[in-house]
Structures are given as structure tokens and as C-alpha cells.
Amino acid sequence: MSEHAKAQRPEDLTRLFVERSNAGDAAGVAALYEEGAVMAYPPGAFTVGREAIRALWEKVLAGGPRFEPEQPLPTLVSGDIALTSTPPRDGAGARAQVVRRQPDGSWLRLLDQPEFAPPVR
């Protein structure tokens, strides 16, 4: 993990995710997560743990998807925990992550909800 730049602010995680995903770097994407992180993906399932997240992103990135940066919503911070979120460019739902400050001052994702749709009315 040490070969990857660390997020110095919670908001850095989204930028680093886009950069590493577009480079096809599944290990780099996984390095943005705590060891026991939980990701609500693929839809309807959970991926638990950094190694499982790396394996998932290897499969996803093998298809060569391109990610575009999304303008983050204001970050909510309480001590060493923060909530980051972005509205997808297509306007369908939102993305949200709970992130935690690490002992070295950097930030990693703890919980990741990469896609959820607005409630049906």
C-alpha cells in the first residue's frame, strides 16, 4: 500500500478513486479502503474486506470502464469520521462513503455505497 499516495483530506478519496480506476489499478483502488471495509456492490450484495474489494475491482476494471470526476457535495466531519458524497452525473441517485482518519492522518473508506437510487414515489 505504501507505493500509493494517501488521501490527506476525505475529499481526496474520490479523486484518487477516479485516477486509479482509469489507470486500471485495482490494487490502488483497494488501497483506498480499510482492511475490513464494506462496499455495497455489486447491486444487491456486499463486498467485505480490502482483498475482496481488490478482486472485485480487478473484474470491473478488466472491461476498461472510464470514470469521470463528479463534483463532491460538502463533506461532513465529526472527529476522525467523515461522510463524503457525490451526485452522479446522470442524476440517478447518489454515492456516499463513510471514511475514517488513520493514525498517520490520512483517510480511508470504511463504508461505501457507490450507487443508490432515489426513493420511488
Protein backbone atom coordinates (compact mmCIF):
# COMPACT_ATOMS: atom_id res chain seq x y z
CA MET A 1 0.00 0.00 0.00
CA SER A 2 2.91 2.35 0.60
CA GLU A 3 3.56 2.88 -3.14
CA HIS A 4 0.25 4.73 -3.49
CA ALA A 5 -0.35 8.34 -2.50
CA LYS A 6 -2.55 8.68 0.57
CA ALA A 7 -5.66 10.80 0.89
CA GLN A 8 -4.80 13.78 3.09
CA ARG A 9 -8.41 15.00 3.10
CA PRO A 10 -11.62 12.97 2.90
CA GLU A 11 -12.38 14.58 -0.47
CA ASP A 12 -9.13 13.23 -1.93
CA LEU A 13 -10.52 9.69 -1.91
CA THR A 14 -12.95 10.34 -4.77
CA ARG A 15 -10.25 11.92 -6.94
CA LEU A 16 -7.82 9.09 -6.21
CA PHE A 17 -10.53 6.54 -6.98
CA VAL A 18 -11.12 8.05 -10.43
CA GLU A 19 -7.38 8.31 -11.20
CA ARG A 20 -6.63 4.73 -10.14
CA SER A 21 -9.71 3.23 -11.78
CA ASN A 22 -8.93 4.92 -15.08
CA ALA A 23 -5.36 3.58 -14.82
CA GLY A 24 -6.74 0.05 -14.34
CA ASP A 25 -5.10 -0.12 -10.89
CA ALA A 26 -7.34 -2.44 -8.83
CA ALA A 27 -4.75 -2.70 -6.05
CA GLY A 28 -4.58 1.10 -5.93
CA VAL A 29 -8.36 1.35 -5.68
CA ALA A 30 -8.39 -1.26 -2.88
CA ALA A 31 -5.69 0.73 -1.05
CA LEU A 32 -8.32 3.47 -0.56
CA TYR A 33 -10.23 1.15 1.80
CA GLU A 34 -9.61 -0.02 5.35
CA GLU A 35 -8.84 -3.74 5.77
CA GLY A 36 -12.38 -4.50 6.99
CA ALA A 37 -14.24 -2.06 4.76
CA VAL A 38 -17.72 -2.88 3.46
CA MET A 39 -18.82 -1.92 -0.04
CA ALA A 40 -22.45 -2.19 -1.15
CA TYR A 41 -21.55 -3.51 -4.60
CA PRO A 42 -22.39 -5.28 -6.84
CA PRO A 43 -26.01 -4.14 -6.64
CA GLY A 44 -27.92 -6.18 -4.10
CA ALA A 45 -24.75 -7.58 -2.49
CA PHE A 46 -21.89 -6.59 -0.20
CA THR A 47 -18.15 -6.92 -0.76
CA VAL A 48 -16.31 -7.13 2.55
CA GLY A 49 -12.59 -6.58 3.12
CA ARG A 50 -9.82 -4.92 1.16
CA GLU A 51 -8.76 -8.13 -0.61
CA ALA A 52 -12.32 -8.85 -1.78
CA ILE A 53 -12.66 -5.23 -2.91
CA ARG A 54 -9.42 -5.58 -4.90
CA ALA A 55 -10.68 -8.78 -6.55
CA LEU A 56 -13.99 -7.11 -7.42
CA TRP A 57 -12.24 -4.11 -9.00
CA GLU A 58 -9.93 -6.38 -11.00
CA LYS A 59 -13.03 -7.82 -12.66
CA VAL A 60 -14.73 -4.44 -13.13
CA LEU A 61 -11.63 -2.71 -14.48
CA ALA A 62 -10.84 -5.56 -16.89
CA GLY A 63 -13.64 -4.15 -19.06
CA GLY A 64 -11.82 -0.81 -19.34
CA PRO A 65 -14.55 1.49 -17.98
CA ARG A 66 -13.81 5.22 -17.85
CA PHE A 67 -14.80 7.26 -14.81
CA GLU A 68 -15.34 10.99 -14.86
CA PRO A 69 -14.80 13.17 -11.79
CA GLU A 70 -18.01 14.18 -10.05
CA GLN A 71 -18.38 17.38 -8.05
CA PRO A 72 -18.43 16.40 -4.36
CA LEU A 73 -21.16 17.55 -2.03
CA PRO A 74 -19.99 19.20 1.21
CA THR A 75 -18.14 16.75 3.45
CA LEU A 76 -19.50 16.22 6.95
CA VAL A 77 -16.73 15.67 9.53
CA SER A 78 -17.03 14.64 13.16
CA GLY A 79 -13.65 13.98 14.74
CA ASP A 80 -12.00 11.12 12.86
CA ILE A 81 -15.11 10.13 10.89
CA ALA A 82 -16.43 11.85 7.77
CA LEU A 83 -19.24 11.39 5.26
CA THR A 84 -18.37 12.10 1.65
CA SER A 85 -20.85 12.05 -1.21
CA THR A 86 -21.30 12.95 -4.85
CA PRO A 87 -24.34 13.18 -7.09
CA PRO A 88 -23.75 11.07 -10.23
CA ARG A 89 -23.52 13.00 -13.48
CA ASP A 90 -26.61 11.20 -14.79
CA GLY A 91 -28.66 12.50 -11.84
CA ALA A 92 -29.72 8.97 -10.86
CA GLY A 93 -29.42 8.69 -7.09
CA ALA A 94 -26.21 9.42 -5.22
CA ARG A 95 -22.95 7.96 -3.94
CA ALA A 96 -21.86 8.10 -0.29
CA GLN A 97 -18.89 6.92 1.75
CA VAL A 98 -18.08 6.89 5.45
CA VAL A 99 -14.35 7.47 5.81
CA ARG A 100 -12.04 7.38 8.80
CA ARG A 101 -8.86 9.24 9.65
CA GLN A 102 -5.95 6.84 10.10
CA PRO A 103 -3.25 7.09 12.78
CA ASP A 104 -0.90 8.75 10.24
CA GLY A 105 -3.52 11.44 9.48
CA SER A 106 -4.55 10.05 6.08
CA TRP A 107 -8.12 8.95 5.29
CA LEU A 108 -9.54 5.60 4.11
CA ARG A 109 -13.02 4.41 3.20
CA LEU A 110 -14.80 2.33 5.81
CA LEU A 111 -18.28 2.06 4.24
CA ASP A 112 -19.00 2.64 0.57
CA GLN A 113 -22.41 2.95 -1.06
CA PRO A 114 -21.33 3.62 -4.65
CA GLU A 115 -24.84 3.63 -6.12
CA PHE A 116 -28.28 4.09 -4.74
CA ALA A 117 -31.41 5.32 -6.43
CA PRO A 118 -33.75 7.98 -5.14
CA PRO A 119 -36.89 6.64 -3.43
CA VAL A 120 -39.75 5.75 -5.72
CA ARG A 121 -42.77 7.95 -5.03
